[in-house]
Amino acid sequence: LGIVIYFVFVQWVDLTGGPSGITGVPNLEAFGFTFKKDLHYYYL
C-alpha cells in the first residue's frame, strides 16, 4: 500500500506536482492571525 501510494504521488504530476511536490500552499490563518514564521508553526 505504501509503495502504491508513493508511486501515485510521484507519477500523478498534474495533481501532486510529482517529485517537486505542491507549491503555493497558503499560510494558515486563525482569528485574524497569520502563521508566517517558523516560530508560529512551532507553537502550533
All heavy atoms as atom14 arrays in JSON, in Angstrom:
{
  "sequence": "LGIVIYFVFVQWVDLTGGPSGITGVPNLEAFGFTFKKDLHYYYL",
  "atom14_mask": [
    [1, 1, 1, 1, 1, 1, 1, 1, 0, 0, 0, 0, 0, 0],
    [1, 1, 1, 1, 0, 0, 0, 0, 0, 0, 0, 0, 0, 0],
    [1, 1, 1, 1, 1, 1, 1, 1, 0, 0, 0, 0, 0, 0],
    [1, 1, 1, 1, 1, 1, 1, 0, 0, 0, 0, 0, 0, 0],
    [1, 1, 1, 1, 1, 1, 1, 1, 0, 0, 0, 0, 0, 0],
    [1, 1, 1, 1, 1, 1, 1, 1, 1, 1, 1, 1, 0, 0],
    [1, 1, 1, 1, 1, 1, 1, 1, 1, 1, 1, 0, 0, 0],
    [1, 1, 1, 1, 1, 1, 1, 0, 0, 0, 0, 0, 0, 0],
    [1, 1, 1, 1, 1, 1, 1, 1, 1, 1, 1, 0, 0, 0],
    [1, 1, 1, 1, 1, 1, 1, 0, 0, 0, 0, 0, 0, 0],
    [1, 1, 1, 1, 1, 1, 1, 1, 1, 0, 0, 0, 0, 0],
    [1, 1, 1, 1, 1, 1, 1, 1, 1, 1, 1, 1, 1, 1],
    [1, 1, 1, 1, 1, 1, 1, 0, 0, 0, 0, 0, 0, 0],
    [1, 1, 1, 1, 1, 1, 1, 1, 0, 0, 0, 0, 0, 0],
    [1, 1, 1, 1, 1, 1, 1, 1, 0, 0, 0, 0, 0, 0],
    [1, 1, 1, 1, 1, 1, 1, 0, 0, 0, 0, 0, 0, 0],
    [1, 1, 1, 1, 0, 0, 0, 0, 0, 0, 0, 0, 0, 0],
    [1, 1, 1, 1, 0, 0, 0, 0, 0, 0, 0, 0, 0, 0],
    [1, 1, 1, 1, 1, 1, 1, 0, 0, 0, 0, 0, 0, 0],
    [1, 1, 1, 1, 1, 1, 0, 0, 0, 0, 0, 0, 0, 0],
    [1, 1, 1, 1, 0, 0, 0, 0, 0, 0, 0, 0, 0, 0],
    [1, 1, 1, 1, 1, 1, 1, 1, 0, 0, 0, 0, 0, 0],
    [1, 1, 1, 1, 1, 1, 1, 0, 0, 0, 0, 0, 0, 0],
    [1, 1, 1, 1, 0, 0, 0, 0, 0, 0, 0, 0, 0, 0],
    [1, 1, 1, 1, 1, 1, 1, 0, 0, 0, 0, 0, 0, 0],
    [1, 1, 1, 1, 1, 1, 1, 0, 0, 0, 0, 0, 0, 0],
    [1, 1, 1, 1, 1, 1, 1, 1, 0, 0, 0, 0, 0, 0],
    [1, 1, 1, 1, 1, 1, 1, 1, 0, 0, 0, 0, 0, 0],
    [1, 1, 1, 1, 1, 1, 1, 1, 1, 0, 0, 0, 0, 0],
    [1, 1, 1, 1, 1, 0, 0, 0, 0, 0, 0, 0, 0, 0],
    [1, 1, 1, 1, 1, 1, 1, 1, 1, 1, 1, 0, 0, 0],
    [1, 1, 1, 1, 0, 0, 0, 0, 0, 0, 0, 0, 0, 0],
    [1, 1, 1, 1, 1, 1, 1, 1, 1, 1, 1, 0, 0, 0],
    [1, 1, 1, 1, 1, 1, 1, 0, 0, 0, 0, 0, 0, 0],
    [1, 1, 1, 1, 1, 1, 1, 1, 1, 1, 1, 0, 0, 0],
    [1, 1, 1, 1, 1, 1, 1, 1, 1, 0, 0, 0, 0, 0],
    [1, 1, 1, 1, 1, 1, 1, 1, 1, 0, 0, 0, 0, 0],
    [1, 1, 1, 1, 1, 1, 1, 1, 0, 0, 0, 0, 0, 0],
    [1, 1, 1, 1, 1, 1, 1, 1, 0, 0, 0, 0, 0, 0],
    [1, 1, 1, 1, 1, 1, 1, 1, 1, 1, 0, 0, 0, 0],
    [1, 1, 1, 1, 1, 1, 1, 1, 1, 1, 1, 1, 0, 0],
    [1, 1, 1, 1, 1, 1, 1, 1, 1, 1, 1, 1, 0, 0],
    [1, 1, 1, 1, 1, 1, 1, 1, 1, 1, 1, 1, 0, 0],
    [1, 1, 1, 1, 1, 1, 1, 1, 0, 0, 0, 0, 0, 0]
  ],
  "atom14_positions": [
    [[0.83, -1.2, 0.0], [0.0, 0.0, 0.0], [0.86, 1.25, 0.0], [0.63, 2.19, -0.77], [-0.92, 0.0, 1.22], [-1.66, 1.31, 1.47], [-2.75, 1.5, 0.45], [-2.21, 1.34, 2.87], [0.0, 0.0, 0.0], [0.0, 0.0, 0.0], [0.0, 0.0, 0.0], [0.0, 0.0, 0.0], [0.0, 0.0, 0.0], [0.0, 0.0, 0.0]],
    [[1.89, 1.26, 0.85], [2.79, 2.41, 0.91], [3.49, 2.66, -0.41], [3.63, 3.81, -0.85], [0.0, 0.0, 0.0], [0.0, 0.0, 0.0], [0.0, 0.0, 0.0], [0.0, 0.0, 0.0], [0.0, 0.0, 0.0], [0.0, 0.0, 0.0], [0.0, 0.0, 0.0], [0.0, 0.0, 0.0], [0.0, 0.0, 0.0], [0.0, 0.0, 0.0]],
    [[3.92, 1.6, -1.06], [4.62, 1.73, -2.34], [3.67, 2.25, -3.42], [4.02, 3.13, -4.2], [5.26, 0.39, -2.75], [6.41, 0.06, -1.8], [5.73, 0.41, -4.19], [6.97, -1.34, -1.95], [0.0, 0.0, 0.0], [0.0, 0.0, 0.0], [0.0, 0.0, 0.0], [0.0, 0.0, 0.0], [0.0, 0.0, 0.0], [0.0, 0.0, 0.0]],
    [[2.45, 1.71, -3.47], [1.47, 2.15, -4.48], [1.15, 3.63, -4.29], [1.14, 4.41, -5.26], [0.19, 1.29, -4.4], [-0.94, 1.91, -5.19], [0.46, -0.12, -4.89], [0.0, 0.0, 0.0], [0.0, 0.0, 0.0], [0.0, 0.0, 0.0], [0.0, 0.0, 0.0], [0.0, 0.0, 0.0], [0.0, 0.0, 0.0], [0.0, 0.0, 0.0]],
    [[0.9, 4.04, -3.07], [0.56, 5.45, -2.83], [1.74, 6.35, -3.15], [1.57, 7.43, -3.71], [0.04, 5.63, -1.39], [-1.34, 4.97, -1.29], [-0.04, 7.1, -1.0], [-1.97, 5.0, 0.06], [0.0, 0.0, 0.0], [0.0, 0.0, 0.0], [0.0, 0.0, 0.0], [0.0, 0.0, 0.0], [0.0, 0.0, 0.0], [0.0, 0.0, 0.0]],
    [[2.95, 5.91, -2.83], [4.15, 6.69, -3.18], [4.23, 6.91, -4.69], [4.46, 8.02, -5.15], [5.41, 5.98, -2.67], [6.68, 6.54, -3.25], [7.2, 7.75, -2.79], [7.35, 5.9, -4.29], [8.35, 8.29, -3.33], [8.5, 6.41, -4.84], [9.0, 7.62, -4.36], [10.13, 8.14, -4.9], [0.0, 0.0, 0.0], [0.0, 0.0, 0.0]],
    [[4.02, 5.86, -5.46], [4.1, 5.99, -6.91], [2.97, 6.87, -7.46], [3.16, 7.59, -8.43], [4.13, 4.62, -7.6], [5.49, 4.01, -7.59], [5.73, 2.85, -6.89], [6.55, 4.6, -8.26], [6.99, 2.28, -6.86], [7.81, 4.05, -8.24], [8.04, 2.89, -7.53], [0.0, 0.0, 0.0], [0.0, 0.0, 0.0], [0.0, 0.0, 0.0]],
    [[1.81, 6.83, -6.85], [0.72, 7.72, -7.26], [1.14, 9.17, -7.02], [0.96, 10.04, -7.88], [-0.59, 7.4, -6.5], [-1.62, 8.5, -6.71], [-1.14, 6.06, -6.96], [0.0, 0.0, 0.0], [0.0, 0.0, 0.0], [0.0, 0.0, 0.0], [0.0, 0.0, 0.0], [0.0, 0.0, 0.0], [0.0, 0.0, 0.0], [0.0, 0.0, 0.0]],
    [[1.74, 9.45, -5.86], [2.19, 10.81, -5.56], [3.23, 11.29, -6.56], [3.2, 12.44, -7.0], [2.8, 10.9, -4.16], [1.81, 10.75, -3.03], [2.24, 10.34, -1.79], [0.46, 11.0, -3.2], [1.36, 10.2, -0.72], [-0.44, 10.85, -2.16], [0.02, 10.45, -0.92], [0.0, 0.0, 0.0], [0.0, 0.0, 0.0], [0.0, 0.0, 0.0]],
    [[4.15, 10.42, -6.92], [5.24, 10.81, -7.82], [4.8, 10.89, -9.27], [5.2, 11.8, -10.0], [6.43, 9.83, -7.66], [7.49, 10.08, -8.72], [7.04, 9.95, -6.28], [0.0, 0.0, 0.0], [0.0, 0.0, 0.0], [0.0, 0.0, 0.0], [0.0, 0.0, 0.0], [0.0, 0.0, 0.0], [0.0, 0.0, 0.0], [0.0, 0.0, 0.0]],
    [[3.93, 9.98, -9.7], [3.57, 9.9, -11.12], [2.41, 10.8, -11.54], [2.32, 11.18, -12.7], [3.25, 8.45, -11.5], [4.4, 7.5, -11.32], [5.57, 7.84, -12.22], [5.41, 8.27, -13.37], [6.78, 7.67, -11.71], [0.0, 0.0, 0.0], [0.0, 0.0, 0.0], [0.0, 0.0, 0.0], [0.0, 0.0, 0.0], [0.0, 0.0, 0.0]],
    [[1.53, 11.15, -10.62], [0.38, 11.97, -10.98], [0.78, 13.44, -10.88], [0.31, 14.19, -10.04], [-0.79, 11.66, -10.06], [-2.12, 12.06, -10.61], [-2.39, 12.8, -11.71], [-3.39, 11.72, -10.03], [-3.74, 12.95, -11.88], [-4.38, 12.3, -10.86], [-3.78, 11.0, -8.92], [-5.74, 12.17, -10.59], [-5.12, 10.88, -8.65], [-6.08, 11.45, -9.47]],
    [[1.62, 13.86, -11.8], [2.26, 15.17, -11.77], [1.25, 16.3, -11.83], [1.39, 17.32, -11.13], [3.29, 15.29, -12.92], [3.92, 16.67, -12.95], [4.36, 14.22, -12.78], [0.0, 0.0, 0.0], [0.0, 0.0, 0.0], [0.0, 0.0, 0.0], [0.0, 0.0, 0.0], [0.0, 0.0, 0.0], [0.0, 0.0, 0.0], [0.0, 0.0, 0.0]],
    [[0.2, 16.16, -12.64], [-0.79, 17.24, -12.77], [-1.48, 17.54, -11.44], [-1.83, 18.69, -11.17], [-1.85, 16.87, -13.81], [-1.27, 16.78, -15.21], [-0.21, 17.39, -15.44], [-1.88, 16.09, -16.05], [0.0, 0.0, 0.0], [0.0, 0.0, 0.0], [0.0, 0.0, 0.0], [0.0, 0.0, 0.0], [0.0, 0.0, 0.0], [0.0, 0.0, 0.0]],
    [[-1.69, 16.54, -10.62], [-2.4, 16.74, -9.36], [-1.45, 16.98, -8.18], [-1.66, 17.87, -7.37], [-3.29, 15.53, -9.06], [-4.2, 15.65, -7.85], [-5.24, 16.76, -8.07], [-4.88, 14.34, -7.56], [0.0, 0.0, 0.0], [0.0, 0.0, 0.0], [0.0, 0.0, 0.0], [0.0, 0.0, 0.0], [0.0, 0.0, 0.0], [0.0, 0.0, 0.0]],
    [[-0.37, 16.19, -8.11], [0.5, 16.23, -6.93], [1.79, 17.02, -7.13], [2.53, 17.23, -6.18], [0.9, 14.81, -6.51], [1.69, 14.23, -7.55], [-0.32, 13.96, -6.22], [0.0, 0.0, 0.0], [0.0, 0.0, 0.0], [0.0, 0.0, 0.0], [0.0, 0.0, 0.0], [0.0, 0.0, 0.0], [0.0, 0.0, 0.0], [0.0, 0.0, 0.0]],
    [[2.08, 17.42, -8.35], [3.34, 18.12, -8.62], [4.51, 17.17, -8.8], [5.64, 17.61, -8.96], [0.0, 0.0, 0.0], [0.0, 0.0, 0.0], [0.0, 0.0, 0.0], [0.0, 0.0, 0.0], [0.0, 0.0, 0.0], [0.0, 0.0, 0.0], [0.0, 0.0, 0.0], [0.0, 0.0, 0.0], [0.0, 0.0, 0.0], [0.0, 0.0, 0.0]],
    [[4.24, 15.88, -8.74], [5.3, 14.88, -8.93], [6.36, 14.96, -7.84], [6.06, 15.29, -6.69], [0.0, 0.0, 0.0], [0.0, 0.0, 0.0], [0.0, 0.0, 0.0], [0.0, 0.0, 0.0], [0.0, 0.0, 0.0], [0.0, 0.0, 0.0], [0.0, 0.0, 0.0], [0.0, 0.0, 0.0], [0.0, 0.0, 0.0], [0.0, 0.0, 0.0]],
    [[7.61, 14.69, -8.2], [8.69, 14.7, -7.2], [8.92, 16.09, -6.58], [9.43, 16.2, -5.48], [9.92, 14.27, -7.99], [9.4, 13.59, -9.2], [8.08, 14.22, -9.5], [0.0, 0.0, 0.0], [0.0, 0.0, 0.0], [0.0, 0.0, 0.0], [0.0, 0.0, 0.0], [0.0, 0.0, 0.0], [0.0, 0.0, 0.0], [0.0, 0.0, 0.0]],
    [[8.52, 17.14, -7.27], [8.72, 18.5, -6.75], [7.69, 18.87, -5.69], [7.88, 19.82, -4.94], [8.65, 19.52, -7.89], [9.66, 19.26, -8.82], [0.0, 0.0, 0.0], [0.0, 0.0, 0.0], [0.0, 0.0, 0.0], [0.0, 0.0, 0.0], [0.0, 0.0, 0.0], [0.0, 0.0, 0.0], [0.0, 0.0, 0.0], [0.0, 0.0, 0.0]],
    [[6.57, 18.17, -5.67], [5.53, 18.46, -4.68], [4.63, 19.6, -5.11], [4.67, 20.08, -6.24], [0.0, 0.0, 0.0], [0.0, 0.0, 0.0], [0.0, 0.0, 0.0], [0.0, 0.0, 0.0], [0.0, 0.0, 0.0], [0.0, 0.0, 0.0], [0.0, 0.0, 0.0], [0.0, 0.0, 0.0], [0.0, 0.0, 0.0], [0.0, 0.0, 0.0]],
    [[3.83, 20.07, -4.17], [2.85, 21.13, -4.44], [3.39, 22.44, -3.91], [3.81, 22.55, -2.75], [1.5, 20.79, -3.76], [0.94, 19.5, -4.37], [0.51, 21.93, -3.92], [-0.3, 18.99, -3.68], [0.0, 0.0, 0.0], [0.0, 0.0, 0.0], [0.0, 0.0, 0.0], [0.0, 0.0, 0.0], [0.0, 0.0, 0.0], [0.0, 0.0, 0.0]],
    [[3.38, 23.45, -4.76], [3.84, 24.78, -4.35], [2.64, 25.7, -4.17], [1.55, 25.43, -4.68], [4.79, 25.38, -5.4], [4.1, 25.45, -6.66], [6.04, 24.54, -5.55], [0.0, 0.0, 0.0], [0.0, 0.0, 0.0], [0.0, 0.0, 0.0], [0.0, 0.0, 0.0], [0.0, 0.0, 0.0], [0.0, 0.0, 0.0], [0.0, 0.0, 0.0]],
    [[2.86, 26.78, -3.47], [1.81, 27.77, -3.29], [0.79, 27.45, -2.22], [-0.31, 28.01, -2.23], [0.0, 0.0, 0.0], [0.0, 0.0, 0.0], [0.0, 0.0, 0.0], [0.0, 0.0, 0.0], [0.0, 0.0, 0.0], [0.0, 0.0, 0.0], [0.0, 0.0, 0.0], [0.0, 0.0, 0.0], [0.0, 0.0, 0.0], [0.0, 0.0, 0.0]],
    [[1.12, 26.55, -1.3], [0.2, 26.23, -0.21], [0.11, 27.47, 0.69], [1.14, 27.97, 1.15], [0.68, 25.0, 0.59], [-0.25, 24.72, 1.76], [0.78, 23.79, -0.32], [0.0, 0.0, 0.0], [0.0, 0.0, 0.0], [0.0, 0.0, 0.0], [0.0, 0.0, 0.0], [0.0, 0.0, 0.0], [0.0, 0.0, 0.0], [0.0, 0.0, 0.0]],
    [[-1.09, 27.98, 0.93], [-1.2, 29.23, 1.7], [-0.88, 29.02, 3.18], [-0.99, 27.91, 3.72], [-2.67, 29.62, 1.52], [-3.38, 28.34, 1.23], [-2.39, 27.48, 0.49], [0.0, 0.0, 0.0], [0.0, 0.0, 0.0], [0.0, 0.0, 0.0], [0.0, 0.0, 0.0], [0.0, 0.0, 0.0], [0.0, 0.0, 0.0], [0.0, 0.0, 0.0]],
    [[-0.49, 30.12, 3.82], [-0.24, 30.08, 5.26], [-1.55, 29.9, 6.0], [-2.61, 30.32, 5.54], [0.4, 31.39, 5.72], [1.82, 31.54, 5.25], [2.56, 30.58, 5.17], [2.22, 32.75, 4.92], [0.0, 0.0, 0.0], [0.0, 0.0, 0.0], [0.0, 0.0, 0.0], [0.0, 0.0, 0.0], [0.0, 0.0, 0.0], [0.0, 0.0, 0.0]],
    [[-1.47, 29.27, 7.15], [-2.65, 29.1, 7.99], [-3.03, 30.44, 8.61], [-2.17, 31.26, 8.9], [-2.37, 28.1, 9.1], [-2.21, 26.65, 8.69], [-1.8, 25.81, 9.89], [-3.49, 26.1, 8.11], [0.0, 0.0, 0.0], [0.0, 0.0, 0.0], [0.0, 0.0, 0.0], [0.0, 0.0, 0.0], [0.0, 0.0, 0.0], [0.0, 0.0, 0.0]],
    [[-4.32, 30.62, 8.82], [-4.83, 31.81, 9.5], [-5.84, 31.37, 10.54], [-6.62, 30.45, 10.3], [-5.51, 32.76, 8.51], [-4.56, 33.38, 7.51], [-5.27, 34.34, 6.56], [-6.44, 34.71, 6.83], [-4.67, 34.71, 5.55], [0.0, 0.0, 0.0], [0.0, 0.0, 0.0], [0.0, 0.0, 0.0], [0.0, 0.0, 0.0], [0.0, 0.0, 0.0]],
    [[-5.81, 32.03, 11.7], [-6.76, 31.73, 12.76], [-7.06, 33.01, 13.53], [-6.14, 33.66, 14.04], [-6.21, 30.66, 13.7], [0.0, 0.0, 0.0], [0.0, 0.0, 0.0], [0.0, 0.0, 0.0], [0.0, 0.0, 0.0], [0.0, 0.0, 0.0], [0.0, 0.0, 0.0], [0.0, 0.0, 0.0], [0.0, 0.0, 0.0], [0.0, 0.0, 0.0]],
    [[-8.31, 33.37, 13.6], [-8.77, 34.54, 14.35], [-8.01, 35.8, 13.94], [-7.61, 36.6, 14.79], [-8.65, 34.29, 15.86], [-9.32, 33.02, 16.31], [-8.56, 31.93, 16.71], [-10.7, 32.91, 16.29], [-9.18, 30.76, 17.12], [-11.32, 31.73, 16.69], [-10.56, 30.66, 17.1], [0.0, 0.0, 0.0], [0.0, 0.0, 0.0], [0.0, 0.0, 0.0]],
    [[-7.78, 35.96, 12.66], [-7.1, 37.14, 12.14], [-5.58, 37.08, 12.24], [-4.89, 38.0, 11.83], [0.0, 0.0, 0.0], [0.0, 0.0, 0.0], [0.0, 0.0, 0.0], [0.0, 0.0, 0.0], [0.0, 0.0, 0.0], [0.0, 0.0, 0.0], [0.0, 0.0, 0.0], [0.0, 0.0, 0.0], [0.0, 0.0, 0.0], [0.0, 0.0, 0.0]],
    [[-5.05, 36.0, 12.8], [-3.6, 35.84, 12.92], [-3.11, 34.92, 11.82], [-3.66, 33.85, 11.61], [-3.24, 35.25, 14.29], [-1.78, 35.01, 14.49], [-0.92, 36.06, 14.77], [-1.24, 33.73, 14.36], [0.44, 35.84, 14.95], [0.11, 33.51, 14.53], [0.96, 34.57, 14.82], [0.0, 0.0, 0.0], [0.0, 0.0, 0.0], [0.0, 0.0, 0.0]],
    [[-2.06, 35.34, 11.11], [-1.49, 34.53, 10.04], [-0.19, 33.9, 10.52], [0.7, 34.59, 11.03], [-1.2, 35.4, 8.8], [-2.42, 36.04, 8.4], [-0.67, 34.57, 7.65], [0.0, 0.0, 0.0], [0.0, 0.0, 0.0], [0.0, 0.0, 0.0], [0.0, 0.0, 0.0], [0.0, 0.0, 0.0], [0.0, 0.0, 0.0], [0.0, 0.0, 0.0]],
    [[-0.1, 32.59, 10.35], [1.12, 31.86, 10.71], [2.12, 32.05, 9.57], [1.97, 31.45, 8.51], [0.82, 30.37, 10.91], [-0.04, 30.07, 12.09], [-1.43, 30.17, 12.01], [0.53, 29.71, 13.29], [-2.23, 29.9, 13.1], [-0.25, 29.43, 14.4], [-1.64, 29.54, 14.3], [0.0, 0.0, 0.0], [0.0, 0.0, 0.0], [0.0, 0.0, 0.0]],
    [[3.12, 32.9, 9.79], [4.09, 33.19, 8.75], [5.49, 32.68, 9.08], [6.23, 32.29, 8.21], [4.18, 34.7, 8.51], [2.94, 35.3, 7.91], [3.13, 36.78, 7.71], [1.86, 37.41, 7.17], [1.96, 38.85, 7.06], [0.0, 0.0, 0.0], [0.0, 0.0, 0.0], [0.0, 0.0, 0.0], [0.0, 0.0, 0.0], [0.0, 0.0, 0.0]],
    [[5.85, 32.72, 10.34], [7.21, 32.39, 10.75], [7.28, 30.97, 11.29], [6.29, 30.38, 11.72], [7.68, 33.36, 11.83], [7.72, 34.8, 11.38], [8.18, 35.68, 12.51], [8.21, 37.13, 12.07], [8.6, 38.01, 13.17], [0.0, 0.0, 0.0], [0.0, 0.0, 0.0], [0.0, 0.0, 0.0], [0.0, 0.0, 0.0], [0.0, 0.0, 0.0]],
    [[8.51, 30.45, 11.3], [8.72, 29.11, 11.87], [8.31, 29.07, 13.34], [7.79, 28.06, 13.81], [10.19, 28.71, 11.74], [10.56, 28.35, 10.31], [9.66, 28.05, 9.51], [11.77, 28.37, 9.98], [0.0, 0.0, 0.0], [0.0, 0.0, 0.0], [0.0, 0.0, 0.0], [0.0, 0.0, 0.0], [0.0, 0.0, 0.0], [0.0, 0.0, 0.0]],
    [[8.54, 30.16, 14.05], [8.17, 30.22, 15.47], [6.66, 30.03, 15.65], [6.22, 29.35, 16.57], [8.61, 31.54, 16.09], [8.36, 31.69, 17.59], [9.19, 30.67, 18.37], [8.69, 33.1, 18.03], [0.0, 0.0, 0.0], [0.0, 0.0, 0.0], [0.0, 0.0, 0.0], [0.0, 0.0, 0.0], [0.0, 0.0, 0.0], [0.0, 0.0, 0.0]],
    [[5.88, 30.62, 14.74], [4.42, 30.46, 14.8], [4.02, 29.01, 14.61], [3.17, 28.48, 15.34], [3.74, 31.31, 13.73], [4.03, 32.77, 13.84], [3.92, 33.62, 12.77], [4.43, 33.54, 14.88], [4.24, 34.84, 13.14], [4.56, 34.82, 14.43], [0.0, 0.0, 0.0], [0.0, 0.0, 0.0], [0.0, 0.0, 0.0], [0.0, 0.0, 0.0]],
    [[4.61, 28.36, 13.61], [4.28, 26.96, 13.35], [4.79, 26.05, 14.46], [4.17, 25.04, 14.77], [4.82, 26.51, 11.99], [3.97, 27.02, 10.85], [4.38, 28.07, 10.05], [2.73, 26.45, 10.59], [3.59, 28.54, 9.02], [1.93, 26.91, 9.56], [2.36, 27.95, 8.78], [1.57, 28.42, 7.77], [0.0, 0.0, 0.0], [0.0, 0.0, 0.0]],
    [[5.91, 26.41, 15.07], [6.43, 25.64, 16.19], [5.4, 25.6, 17.32], [5.09, 24.54, 17.86], [7.75, 26.24, 16.69], [8.27, 25.57, 17.94], [9.06, 24.44, 17.85], [7.94, 26.06, 19.2], [9.52, 23.8, 18.99], [8.4, 25.42, 20.35], [9.18, 24.3, 20.24], [9.62, 23.67, 21.36], [0.0, 0.0, 0.0], [0.0, 0.0, 0.0]],
    [[4.86, 26.78, 17.65], [3.89, 26.85, 18.74], [2.5, 26.36, 18.33], [1.6, 26.31, 19.15], [3.82, 28.26, 19.31], [4.97, 28.55, 20.25], [5.86, 29.58, 19.98], [5.17, 27.78, 21.38], [6.91, 29.84, 20.84], [6.23, 28.03, 22.23], [7.09, 29.06, 21.96], [8.13, 29.3, 22.81], [0.0, 0.0, 0.0], [0.0, 0.0, 0.0]],
    [[2.32, 26.0, 17.08], [1.1, 25.32, 16.65], [1.28, 23.81, 16.71], [0.43, 23.09, 17.25], [0.73, 25.74, 15.22], [-0.44, 25.0, 14.58], [-1.74, 25.35, 15.3], [-0.54, 25.33, 13.1], [0.0, 0.0, 0.0], [0.0, 0.0, 0.0], [0.0, 0.0, 0.0], [0.0, 0.0, 0.0], [0.0, 0.0, 0.0], [0.0, 0.0, 0.0]]
  ]
}
